[in-house]
């Protein structure tokens, strides 16, 4: 049975490689947005109350998917609500 011995130099080299990879990941791309948002995230994003969110579901402004009793909202649909052309939400 072969035995591999890990030295301090090996650990330092691994640490340097790991730090370089993390820096590449953090600097190269903007933070990814989630495709589906939960109710609390939508309320925070739109700055609305739970009742307003329910009214938006009822009147068809939003079309969530319900999975296991939890509503999930499409991020792109929420962004469309925030565009100036859309007059669904009044400021």
PDB file of N, CA and C in Angstrom:
ATOM      1  N   UNK A   1       0.845  -1.158   0.000  1.00  0.00           N
ATOM      2  CA  UNK A   1       0.000   0.000   0.000  1.00  0.00           C
ATOM      3  C   UNK A   1       0.903   1.238   0.000  1.00  0.00           C
ATOM      4  N   UNK A   2       0.655   2.138  -0.965  1.00  0.00           N
ATOM      5  CA  UNK A   2       1.454   3.352  -1.089  1.00  0.00           C
ATOM      6  C   UNK A   2       0.954   4.406  -0.112  1.00  0.00           C
ATOM      7  N   UNK A   3       1.892   5.113   0.479  1.00  0.00           N
ATOM      8  CA  UNK A   3       1.567   6.162   1.430  1.00  0.00           C
ATOM      9  C   UNK A   3       2.038   7.493   0.859  1.00  0.00           C
ATOM     10  N   UNK A   4       1.114   8.476   0.815  1.00  0.00           N
ATOM     11  CA  UNK A   4       1.476   9.820   0.363  1.00  0.00           C
ATOM     12  C   UNK A   4       1.625  10.720   1.577  1.00  0.00           C
ATOM     13  N   UNK A   5       2.733  11.424   1.625  1.00  0.00           N
ATOM     14  CA  UNK A   5       2.980  12.333   2.738  1.00  0.00           C
ATOM     15  C   UNK A   5       2.770  13.759   2.223  1.00  0.00           C
ATOM     16  N   UNK A   6       1.953  14.501   2.932  1.00  0.00           N
ATOM     17  CA  UNK A   6       1.671  15.881   2.556  1.00  0.00           C
ATOM     18  C   UNK A   6       2.551  16.791   3.410  1.00  0.00           C
ATOM     19  N   UNK A   7       3.291  17.635   2.730  1.00  0.00           N
ATOM     20  CA  UNK A   7       4.193  18.542   3.438  1.00  0.00           C
ATOM     21  C   UNK A   7       3.569  19.930   3.550  1.00  0.00           C
ATOM     22  N   UNK A   8       4.236  20.785   4.316  1.00  0.00           N
ATOM     23  CA  UNK A   8       3.780  22.167   4.434  1.00  0.00           C
ATOM     24  C   UNK A   8       3.823  22.881   3.091  1.00  0.00           C
ATOM     25  N   UNK A   9       4.831  22.572   2.307  1.00  0.00           N
ATOM     26  CA  UNK A   9       4.941  23.181   0.983  1.00  0.00           C
ATOM     27  C   UNK A   9       3.749  22.786   0.112  1.00  0.00           C
ATOM     28  N   UNK A  10       3.323  21.541   0.209  1.00  0.00           N
ATOM     29  CA  UNK A  10       2.152  21.080  -0.540  1.00  0.00           C
ATOM     30  C   UNK A  10       0.900  21.849  -0.106  1.00  0.00           C
ATOM     31  N   UNK A  11       0.749  22.027   1.193  1.00  0.00           N
ATOM     32  CA  UNK A  11      -0.408  22.754   1.711  1.00  0.00           C
ATOM     33  C   UNK A  11      -0.379  24.225   1.293  1.00  0.00           C
ATOM     34  N   UNK A  12       0.809  24.833   1.334  1.00  0.00           N
ATOM     35  CA  UNK A  12       0.921  26.229   0.895  1.00  0.00           C
ATOM     36  C   UNK A  12       0.614  26.375  -0.593  1.00  0.00           C
ATOM     37  N   UNK A  13       1.078  25.441  -1.389  1.00  0.00           N
ATOM     38  CA  UNK A  13       0.780  25.476  -2.826  1.00  0.00           C
ATOM     39  C   UNK A  13      -0.719  25.313  -3.076  1.00  0.00           C
ATOM     40  N   UNK A  14      -1.338  24.416  -2.354  1.00  0.00           N
ATOM     41  CA  UNK A  14      -2.781  24.216  -2.482  1.00  0.00           C
ATOM     42  C   UNK A  14      -3.532  25.483  -2.079  1.00  0.00           C
ATOM     43  N   UNK A  15      -3.110  26.112  -0.977  1.00  0.00           N
ATOM     44  CA  UNK A  15      -3.748  27.336  -0.503  1.00  0.00           C
ATOM     45  C   UNK A  15      -3.651  28.433  -1.558  1.00  0.00           C
ATOM     46  N   UNK A  16      -2.482  28.600  -2.161  1.00  0.00           N
ATOM     47  CA  UNK A  16      -2.293  29.622  -3.192  1.00  0.00           C
ATOM     48  C   UNK A  16      -3.187  29.353  -4.403  1.00  0.00           C
ATOM     49  N   UNK A  17      -3.269  28.116  -4.835  1.00  0.00           N
ATOM     50  CA  UNK A  17      -4.120  27.760  -5.974  1.00  0.00           C
ATOM     51  C   UNK A  17      -5.591  28.010  -5.646  1.00  0.00           C
ATOM     52  N   UNK A  18      -5.988  27.657  -4.446  1.00  0.00           N
ATOM     53  CA  UNK A  18      -7.373  27.855  -4.021  1.00  0.00           C
ATOM     54  C   UNK A  18      -7.721  29.345  -3.976  1.00  0.00           C
ATOM     55  N   UNK A  19      -6.833  30.162  -3.425  1.00  0.00           N
ATOM     56  CA  UNK A  19      -7.073  31.600  -3.367  1.00  0.00           C
ATOM     57  C   UNK A  19      -7.167  32.211  -4.767  1.00  0.00           C
ATOM     58  N   UNK A  20      -6.318  31.774  -5.681  1.00  0.00           N
ATOM     59  CA  UNK A  20      -6.379  32.270  -7.060  1.00  0.00           C
ATOM     60  C   UNK A  20      -7.703  31.915  -7.726  1.00  0.00           C
ATOM     61  N   UNK A  21      -8.172  30.709  -7.507  1.00  0.00           N
ATOM     62  CA  UNK A  21      -9.451  30.288  -8.089  1.00  0.00           C
ATOM     63  C   UNK A  21     -10.622  31.075  -7.508  1.00  0.00           C
ATOM     64  N   UNK A  22     -10.585  31.311  -6.209  1.00  0.00           N
ATOM     65  CA  UNK A  22     -11.653  32.089  -5.568  1.00  0.00           C
ATOM     66  C   UNK A  22     -11.645  33.521  -6.104  1.00  0.00           C
ATOM     67  N   UNK A  23     -10.465  34.121  -6.253  1.00  0.00           N
ATOM     68  CA  UNK A  23     -10.367  35.479  -6.792  1.00  0.00           C
ATOM     69  C   UNK A  23     -10.908  35.548  -8.212  1.00  0.00           C
ATOM     70  N   UNK A  24     -10.619  34.539  -9.021  1.00  0.00           N
ATOM     71  CA  UNK A  24     -11.140  34.502 -10.390  1.00  0.00           C
ATOM     72  C   UNK A  24     -12.663  34.452 -10.385  1.00  0.00           C
ATOM     73  N   UNK A  25     -13.215  33.619  -9.529  1.00  0.00           N
ATOM     74  CA  UNK A  25     -14.669  33.489  -9.458  1.00  0.00           C
ATOM     75  C   UNK A  25     -15.336  34.777  -8.997  1.00  0.00           C
ATOM     76  N   UNK A  26     -14.747  35.432  -8.019  1.00  0.00           N
ATOM     77  CA  UNK A  26     -15.356  36.638  -7.464  1.00  0.00           C
ATOM     78  C   UNK A  26     -15.204  37.850  -8.370  1.00  0.00           C
ATOM     79  N   UNK A  27     -14.105  37.961  -9.067  1.00  0.00           N
ATOM     80  CA  UNK A  27     -13.874  39.153  -9.879  1.00  0.00           C
ATOM     81  C   UNK A  27     -14.449  39.041 -11.283  1.00  0.00           C
ATOM     82  N   UNK A  28     -14.595  37.858 -11.796  1.00  0.00           N
ATOM     83  CA  UNK A  28     -14.991  37.684 -13.186  1.00  0.00           C
ATOM     84  C   UNK A  28     -16.464  37.819 -13.477  1.00  0.00           C
ATOM     85  N   UNK A  29     -17.320  37.534 -12.546  1.00  0.00           N
ATOM     86  CA  UNK A  29     -18.738  37.479 -12.839  1.00  0.00           C
ATOM     87  C   UNK A  29     -19.522  38.261 -11.788  1.00  0.00           C
ATOM     88  N   UNK A  30     -20.596  38.928 -12.240  1.00  0.00           N
ATOM     89  CA  UNK A  30     -21.473  39.550 -11.249  1.00  0.00           C
ATOM     90  C   UNK A  30     -22.209  38.469 -10.472  1.00  0.00           C
ATOM     91  N   UNK A  31     -22.711  38.785  -9.288  1.00  0.00           N
ATOM     92  CA  UNK A  31     -23.422  37.759  -8.516  1.00  0.00           C
ATOM     93  C   UNK A  31     -24.649  37.260  -9.269  1.00  0.00           C
ATOM     94  N   UNK A  32     -24.811  35.983  -9.271  1.00  0.00           N
ATOM     95  CA  UNK A  32     -25.932  35.379  -9.997  1.00  0.00           C
ATOM     96  C   UNK A  32     -27.241  35.641  -9.251  1.00  0.00           C
ATOM     97  N   UNK A  33     -28.279  35.926 -10.018  1.00  0.00           N
ATOM     98  CA  UNK A  33     -29.590  36.102  -9.414  1.00  0.00           C
ATOM     99  C   UNK A  33     -30.328  34.771  -9.472  1.00  0.00           C
ATOM    100  N   UNK A  34     -31.195  34.595  -8.523  1.00  0.00           N
ATOM    101  CA  UNK A  34     -31.963  33.363  -8.488  1.00  0.00           C
ATOM    102  C   UNK A  34     -33.087  33.445  -9.509  1.00  0.00           C
ATOM    103  N   UNK A  35     -33.446  32.324 -10.090  1.00  0.00           N
ATOM    104  CA  UNK A  35     -34.533  32.267 -11.065  1.00  0.00           C
ATOM    105  C   UNK A  35     -35.888  32.370 -10.379  1.00  0.00           C
ATOM    106  N   UNK A  36     -36.030  31.759  -9.223  1.00  0.00           N
ATOM    107  CA  UNK A  36     -37.300  31.737  -8.512  1.00  0.00           C
ATOM    108  C   UNK A  36     -37.131  32.374  -7.146  1.00  0.00           C
ATOM    109  N   UNK A  37     -38.086  33.237  -6.788  1.00  0.00           N
ATOM    110  CA  UNK A  37     -38.051  33.935  -5.509  1.00  0.00           C
ATOM    111  C   UNK A  37     -39.221  33.493  -4.645  1.00  0.00           C
ATOM    112  N   UNK A  38     -39.026  33.488  -3.338  1.00  0.00           N
ATOM    113  CA  UNK A  38     -40.101  33.184  -2.411  1.00  0.00           C
ATOM    114  C   UNK A  38     -40.846  34.475  -2.073  1.00  0.00           C
ATOM    115  N   UNK A  39     -41.983  34.337  -1.424  1.00  0.00           N
ATOM    116  CA  UNK A  39     -42.848  35.479  -1.133  1.00  0.00           C
ATOM    117  C   UNK A  39     -42.126  36.577  -0.366  1.00  0.00           C
ATOM    118  N   UNK A  40     -41.358  36.221   0.653  1.00  0.00           N
ATOM    119  CA  UNK A  40     -40.694  37.247   1.450  1.00  0.00           C
ATOM    120  C   UNK A  40     -39.678  38.028   0.615  1.00  0.00           C
ATOM    121  N   UNK A  41     -39.048  37.366  -0.361  1.00  0.00           N
ATOM    122  CA  UNK A  41     -38.085  38.063  -1.217  1.00  0.00           C
ATOM    123  C   UNK A  41     -38.785  39.038  -2.158  1.00  0.00           C
ATOM    124  N   UNK A  42     -39.951  38.627  -2.685  1.00  0.00           N
ATOM    125  CA  UNK A  42     -40.721  39.490  -3.578  1.00  0.00           C
ATOM    126  C   UNK A  42     -41.249  40.701  -2.812  1.00  0.00           C
ATOM    127  N   UNK A  43     -41.754  40.476  -1.596  1.00  0.00           N
ATOM    128  CA  UNK A  43     -42.263  41.579  -0.780  1.00  0.00           C
ATOM    129  C   UNK A  43     -41.159  42.589  -0.497  1.00  0.00           C
ATOM    130  N   UNK A  44     -39.975  42.090  -0.203  1.00  0.00           N
ATOM    131  CA  UNK A  44     -38.852  42.975   0.071  1.00  0.00           C
ATOM    132  C   UNK A  44     -38.423  43.713  -1.195  1.00  0.00           C
ATOM    133  N   UNK A  45     -38.372  43.017  -2.309  1.00  0.00           N
ATOM    134  CA  UNK A  45     -37.941  43.603  -3.577  1.00  0.00           C
ATOM    135  C   UNK A  45     -38.891  44.698  -4.044  1.00  0.00           C
ATOM    136  N   UNK A  46     -40.197  44.464  -3.899  1.00  0.00           N
ATOM    137  CA  UNK A  46     -41.202  45.420  -4.355  1.00  0.00           C
ATOM    138  C   UNK A  46     -41.637  46.390  -3.256  1.00  0.00           C
ATOM    139  N   UNK A  47     -41.192  46.116  -2.027  1.00  0.00           N
ATOM    140  CA  UNK A  47     -41.566  46.932  -0.874  1.00  0.00           C
ATOM    141  C   UNK A  47     -43.094  46.994  -0.728  1.00  0.00           C
ATOM    142  N   UNK A  48     -43.699  45.802  -0.650  1.00  0.00           N
ATOM    143  CA  UNK A  48     -45.150  45.702  -0.544  1.00  0.00           C
ATOM    144  C   UNK A  48     -45.519  44.830   0.655  1.00  0.00           C
ATOM    145  N   UNK A  49     -46.788  44.895   1.045  1.00  0.00           N
ATOM    146  CA  UNK A  49     -47.279  44.109   2.176  1.00  0.00           C
ATOM    147  C   UNK A  49     -47.721  42.722   1.693  1.00  0.00           C
ATOM    148  N   UNK A  50     -47.935  41.792   2.624  1.00  0.00           N
ATOM    149  CA  UNK A  50     -48.438  40.473   2.239  1.00  0.00           C
ATOM    150  C   UNK A  50     -49.786  40.554   1.526  1.00  0.00           C
ATOM    151  N   UNK A  51     -50.650  41.461   1.963  1.00  0.00           N
ATOM    152  CA  UNK A  51     -51.958  41.608   1.327  1.00  0.00           C
ATOM    153  C   UNK A  51     -51.854  42.084  -0.113  1.00  0.00           C
ATOM    154  N   UNK A  52     -50.936  43.012  -0.368  1.00  0.00           N
ATOM    155  CA  UNK A  52     -50.729  43.494  -1.740  1.00  0.00           C
ATOM    156  C   UNK A  52     -50.209  42.374  -2.625  1.00  0.00           C
ATOM    157  N   UNK A  53     -49.309  41.574  -2.091  1.00  0.00           N
ATOM    158  CA  UNK A  53     -48.792  40.447  -2.864  1.00  0.00           C
ATOM    159  C   UNK A  53     -49.914  39.461  -3.189  1.00  0.00           C
ATOM    160  N   UNK A  54     -50.778  39.205  -2.228  1.00  0.00           N
ATOM    161  CA  UNK A  54     -51.907  38.312  -2.479  1.00  0.00           C
ATOM    162  C   UNK A  54     -52.834  38.911  -3.536  1.00  0.00           C
ATOM    163  N   UNK A  55     -53.109  40.207  -3.460  1.00  0.00           N
ATOM    164  CA  UNK A  55     -53.945  40.860  -4.476  1.00  0.00           C
ATOM    165  C   UNK A  55     -53.322  40.744  -5.867  1.00  0.00           C
ATOM    166  N   UNK A  56     -52.011  40.841  -5.948  1.00  0.00           N
ATOM    167  CA  UNK A  56     -51.329  40.718  -7.244  1.00  0.00           C
ATOM    168  C   UNK A  56     -51.458  39.301  -7.794  1.00  0.00           C
ATOM    169  N   UNK A  57     -51.477  38.317  -6.897  1.00  0.00           N
ATOM    170  CA  UNK A  57     -51.699  36.933  -7.349  1.00  0.00           C
ATOM    171  C   UNK A  57     -53.126  36.775  -7.852  1.00  0.00           C
ATOM    172  N   UNK A  58     -54.085  37.313  -7.095  1.00  0.00           N
ATOM    173  CA  UNK A  58     -55.505  37.153  -7.416  1.00  0.00           C
ATOM    174  C   UNK A  58     -55.868  37.867  -8.714  1.00  0.00           C
ATOM    175  N   UNK A  59     -55.361  39.099  -8.889  1.00  0.00           N
ATOM    176  CA  UNK A  59     -55.743  39.854 -10.091  1.00  0.00           C
ATOM    177  C   UNK A  59     -54.906  39.497 -11.324  1.00  0.00           C
ATOM    178  N   UNK A  60     -53.949  38.595 -11.167  1.00  0.00           N
ATOM    179  CA  UNK A  60     -53.194  38.115 -12.319  1.00  0.00           C
ATOM    180  C   UNK A  60     -51.957  38.918 -12.656  1.00  0.00           C
ATOM    181  N   UNK A  61     -51.570  39.861 -11.805  1.00  0.00           N
ATOM    182  CA  UNK A  61     -50.342  40.619 -12.049  1.00  0.00           C
ATOM    183  C   UNK A  61     -49.117  39.723 -11.935  1.00  0.00           C
ATOM    184  N   UNK A  62     -49.191  38.754 -11.046  1.00  0.00           N
ATOM    185  CA  UNK A  62     -48.113  37.784 -10.858  1.00  0.00           C
ATOM    186  C   UNK A  62     -48.677  36.380 -11.009  1.00  0.00           C
ATOM    187  N   UNK A  63     -47.849  35.499 -11.532  1.00  0.00           N
ATOM    188  CA  UNK A  63     -48.267  34.108 -11.752  1.00  0.00           C
ATOM    189  C   UNK A  63     -47.277  33.176 -11.057  1.00  0.00           C
ATOM    190  N   UNK A  64     -47.428  33.001  -9.737  1.00  0.00           N
ATOM    191  CA  UNK A  64     -46.488  32.136  -9.028  1.00  0.00           C
ATOM    192  C   UNK A  64     -46.774  30.661  -9.278  1.00  0.00           C
ATOM    193  N   UNK A  65     -45.768  29.862  -8.994  1.00  0.00           N
ATOM    194  CA  UNK A  65     -45.918  28.413  -8.977  1.00  0.00           C
ATOM    195  C   UNK A  65     -45.981  28.010  -7.501  1.00  0.00           C
ATOM    196  N   UNK A  66     -46.913  27.166  -7.168  1.00  0.00           N
ATOM    197  CA  UNK A  66     -47.064  26.739  -5.781  1.00  0.00           C
ATOM    198  C   UNK A  66     -46.559  25.313  -5.647  1.00  0.00           C
ATOM    199  N   UNK A  67     -45.569  25.162  -4.783  1.00  0.00           N
ATOM    200  CA  UNK A  67     -44.973  23.847  -4.553  1.00  0.00           C
ATOM    201  C   UNK A  67     -44.968  23.599  -3.053  1.00  0.00           C
ATOM    202  N   UNK A  68     -45.693  22.601  -2.638  1.00  0.00           N
ATOM    203  CA  UNK A  68     -45.733  22.245  -1.221  1.00  0.00           C
ATOM    204  C   UNK A  68     -46.223  23.372  -0.334  1.00  0.00           C
ATOM    205  N   UNK A  69     -47.159  24.158  -0.810  1.00  0.00           N
ATOM    206  CA  UNK A  69     -47.706  25.243  -0.018  1.00  0.00           C
ATOM    207  C   UNK A  69     -46.886  26.524  -0.047  1.00  0.00           C
ATOM    208  N   UNK A  70     -45.798  26.554  -0.817  1.00  0.00           N
ATOM    209  CA  UNK A  70     -44.945  27.735  -0.908  1.00  0.00           C
ATOM    210  C   UNK A  70     -45.062  28.319  -2.313  1.00  0.00           C
ATOM    211  N   UNK A  71     -45.302  29.627  -2.391  1.00  0.00           N
ATOM    212  CA  UNK A  71     -45.376  30.295  -3.685  1.00  0.00           C
ATOM    213  C   UNK A  71     -43.970  30.679  -4.143  1.00  0.00           C
ATOM    214  N   UNK A  72     -43.656  30.368  -5.398  1.00  0.00           N
ATOM    215  CA  UNK A  72     -42.398  30.755  -6.013  1.00  0.00           C
ATOM    216  C   UNK A  72     -42.704  31.653  -7.199  1.00  0.00           C
ATOM    217  N   UNK A  73     -41.993  32.787  -7.278  1.00  0.00           N
ATOM    218  CA  UNK A  73     -42.239  33.791  -8.305  1.00  0.00           C
ATOM    219  C   UNK A  73     -41.044  33.864  -9.243  1.00  0.00           C
ATOM    220  N   UNK A  74     -41.325  33.991 -10.533  1.00  0.00           N
ATOM    221  CA  UNK A  74     -40.287  34.090 -11.544  1.00  0.00           C
ATOM    222  C   UNK A  74     -39.597  35.452 -11.441  1.00  0.00           C
ATOM    223  N   UNK A  75     -38.285  35.455 -11.304  1.00  0.00           N
ATOM    224  CA  UNK A  75     -37.518  36.691 -11.157  1.00  0.00           C
ATOM    225  C   UNK A  75     -37.717  37.611 -12.360  1.00  0.00           C
ATOM    226  N   UNK A  76     -37.732  37.060 -13.568  1.00  0.00           N
ATOM    227  CA  UNK A  76     -37.905  37.874 -14.774  1.00  0.00           C
ATOM    228  C   UNK A  76     -39.266  38.564 -14.788  1.00  0.00           C
ATOM    229  N   UNK A  77     -40.290  37.883 -14.305  1.00  0.00           N
ATOM    230  CA  UNK A  77     -41.626  38.472 -14.248  1.00  0.00           C
ATOM    231  C   UNK A  77     -41.653  39.654 -13.272  1.00  0.00           C
ATOM    232  N   UNK A  78     -40.947  39.519 -12.158  1.00  0.00           N
ATOM    233  CA  UNK A  78     -40.860  40.606 -11.191  1.00  0.00           C
ATOM    234  C   UNK A  78     -40.132  41.799 -11.808  1.00  0.00           C
ATOM    235  N   UNK A  79     -39.053  41.535 -12.539  1.00  0.00           N
ATOM    236  CA  UNK A  79     -38.300  42.621 -13.181  1.00  0.00           C
ATOM    237  C   UNK A  79     -39.161  43.360 -14.198  1.00  0.00           C
ATOM    238  N   UNK A  80     -40.029  42.633 -14.905  1.00  0.00           N
ATOM    239  CA  UNK A  80     -40.921  43.279 -15.858  1.00  0.00           C
ATOM    240  C   UNK A  80     -41.887  44.229 -15.159  1.00  0.00           C
ATOM    241  N   UNK A  81     -42.303  43.874 -13.943  1.00  0.00           N
ATOM    242  CA  UNK A  81     -43.185  44.751 -13.185  1.00  0.00           C
ATOM    243  C   UNK A  81     -42.490  46.063 -12.822  1.00  0.00           C
ATOM    244  N   UNK A  82     -41.177  46.014 -12.690  1.00  0.00           N
ATOM    245  CA  UNK A  82     -40.429  47.190 -12.265  1.00  0.00           C
ATOM    246  C   UNK A  82     -40.052  48.122 -13.415  1.00  0.00           C
ATOM    247  N   UNK A  83     -40.304  47.718 -14.649  1.00  0.00           N
ATOM    248  CA  UNK A  83     -39.956  48.574 -15.787  1.00  0.00           C
ATOM    249  C   UNK A  83     -40.915  49.761 -15.849  1.00  0.00           C
ATOM    250  N   UNK A  84     -40.454  50.925 -16.345  1.00  0.00           N
ATOM    251  CA  UNK A  84     -41.292  52.131 -16.386  1.00  0.00           C
ATOM    252  C   UNK A  84     -42.540  51.981 -17.266  1.00  0.00           C
ATOM    253  N   UNK A  85     -42.498  51.137 -18.299  1.00  0.00           N
ATOM    254  CA  UNK A  85     -43.642  50.980 -19.195  1.00  0.00           C
ATOM    255  C   UNK A  85     -44.821  50.304 -18.494  1.00  0.00           C
ATOM    256  N   UNK A  86     -44.507  49.482 -17.497  1.00  0.00           N
ATOM    257  CA  UNK A  86     -45.546  48.733 -16.809  1.00  0.00           C
ATOM    258  C   UNK A  86     -46.170  49.597 -15.722  1.00  0.00           C
ATOM    259  N   UNK A  87     -47.460  49.736 -15.745  1.00  0.00           N
ATOM    260  CA  UNK A  87     -48.144  50.594 -14.786  1.00  0.00           C
ATOM    261  C   UNK A  87     -48.940  49.775 -13.762  1.00  0.00           C
ATOM    262  N   UNK A  88     -48.548  48.509 -13.552  1.00  0.00           N
ATOM    263  CA  UNK A  88     -49.245  47.646 -12.601  1.00  0.00           C
ATOM    264  C   UNK A  88     -49.045  48.132 -11.169  1.00  0.00           C
ATOM    265  N   UNK A  89     -47.810  48.506 -10.853  1.00  0.00           N
ATOM    266  CA  UNK A  89     -47.501  48.974  -9.507  1.00  0.00           C
ATOM    267  C   UNK A  89     -47.430  50.488  -9.536  1.00  0.00           C
ATOM    268  N   UNK A  90     -48.159  51.127  -8.665  1.00  0.00           N
ATOM    269  CA  UNK A  90     -48.155  52.585  -8.602  1.00  0.00           C
ATOM    270  C   UNK A  90     -47.263  53.009  -7.450  1.00  0.00           C
ATOM    271  N   UNK A  91     -46.438  53.989  -7.675  1.00  0.00           N
ATOM    272  CA  UNK A  91     -45.533  54.500  -6.646  1.00  0.00           C
ATOM    273  C   UNK A  91     -46.221  55.470  -5.729  1.00  0.00           C
TER     274      UNK A  91
END
